Protein backbone atom coordinates (compact mmCIF):
# COMPACT_ATOMS: atom_id res chain seq x y z
CA MET A 1 -105.63 34.46 141.55
CA GLU A 2 -107.60 33.31 139.08
CA VAL A 3 -109.76 29.82 140.05
CA GLN A 4 -110.87 27.69 137.08
CA LEU A 5 -114.13 25.97 137.93
CA SER A 6 -115.48 22.86 135.88
CA GLY A 7 -118.67 21.57 134.91
CA PRO A 8 -121.60 22.34 137.23
CA LEU A 9 -119.57 24.25 139.65
CA ARG A 10 -119.50 27.12 137.17
CA ALA A 11 -123.52 27.37 137.73
CA ALA A 12 -123.03 28.33 141.45
CA VAL A 13 -120.82 31.28 140.32
CA GLY A 14 -123.19 33.17 137.55
CA ASN A 15 -121.70 30.16 134.87
CA GLN A 16 -118.51 31.77 135.24
CA SER A 17 -115.74 29.68 133.84
CA VAL A 18 -112.82 31.70 135.66
CA VAL A 19 -113.22 34.03 139.13
CA SER A 20 -110.74 36.12 140.70
CA VAL A 21 -110.37 35.54 144.29
CA GLU A 22 -107.84 36.50 147.28
CA ALA A 23 -107.15 33.59 149.24
CA ARG A 24 -104.62 32.14 151.19
CA SER A 25 -105.75 28.68 151.87
CA ILE A 26 -108.52 26.03 150.62
CA ARG A 27 -110.87 26.84 153.50
CA GLU A 28 -110.07 30.92 152.65
CA LEU A 29 -111.10 30.24 149.11
CA PHE A 30 -114.16 28.31 150.14
CA ARG A 31 -115.40 30.90 152.35
CA THR A 32 -114.60 33.74 149.90
CA LEU A 33 -116.53 31.98 147.38
CA SER A 34 -119.69 31.19 149.63
CA GLU A 35 -119.64 34.92 150.75
CA ARG A 36 -119.57 36.05 147.13
CA TYR A 37 -121.73 33.39 145.58
CA PRO A 38 -124.31 31.78 148.32
CA GLU A 39 -124.95 28.85 146.24
CA PHE A 40 -121.51 27.88 146.16
CA THR A 41 -122.32 26.64 149.55
CA VAL A 42 -124.41 23.87 148.01
CA SER A 43 -121.67 23.00 145.86
CA ILE A 44 -119.31 22.36 148.68
CA ALA A 45 -121.89 20.31 150.89
CA ASN A 46 -121.96 18.03 147.43
CA GLY A 47 -118.22 17.73 147.21
CA VAL A 48 -115.35 19.93 145.59
CA ALA A 49 -112.24 18.72 144.83
CA VAL A 50 -109.39 21.53 144.29
CA ALA A 51 -106.28 21.10 142.08
CA ILE A 52 -103.50 23.41 143.01
CA ASN A 53 -100.49 22.93 140.45
CA GLY A 54 -101.94 19.66 139.24
CA ASN A 55 -101.82 18.36 142.69
CA VAL A 56 -105.72 17.19 144.14
CA TYR A 57 -106.93 18.12 147.41
CA ARG A 58 -110.13 16.62 148.46
CA ASP A 59 -110.61 17.25 152.18
CA ASP A 60 -107.53 19.21 153.59
CA TRP A 61 -109.23 22.59 153.68
CA SER A 62 -105.89 23.89 155.70
CA THR A 63 -103.69 23.34 152.71
CA ALA A 64 -101.85 26.59 151.60
CA ILE A 65 -102.27 28.11 148.04
CA PRO A 66 -98.97 29.60 146.76
CA GLU A 67 -98.70 32.79 145.13
CA ASN A 68 -99.30 32.70 141.45
CA ALA A 69 -100.72 28.74 141.65
CA GLU A 70 -102.72 27.09 138.96
CA VAL A 71 -106.24 26.56 140.97
CA VAL A 72 -109.06 24.32 139.26
CA LEU A 73 -112.30 23.65 141.26
CA LEU A 74 -113.71 20.36 140.20
CA PRO A 75 -117.03 18.41 141.35
CA ARG A 76 -115.99 15.62 143.61
CA ILE A 77 -116.99 12.48 141.48
CA GLN A 78 -118.63 9.33 143.78
CA GLY A 79 -117.29 6.13 143.44
CA GLY A 80 -118.85 2.79 144.44
């Protein structure tokens, strides 16, 4: 699948806006990205939201990613 990365998350993957990854869940997606791009672990620690087909997931890493889904990673915005 192609994963789109927003804003500062691009720096963690070599300034790419899109990366190709095989993953069946958010957990597997994060694990694969962390293995391929070690700096991405810092992004995960800072908070990453995952949009799958327009639905945003913040903490449920067990969420399945359907085949041909649109996947966008966004830095988590801290509220106050």
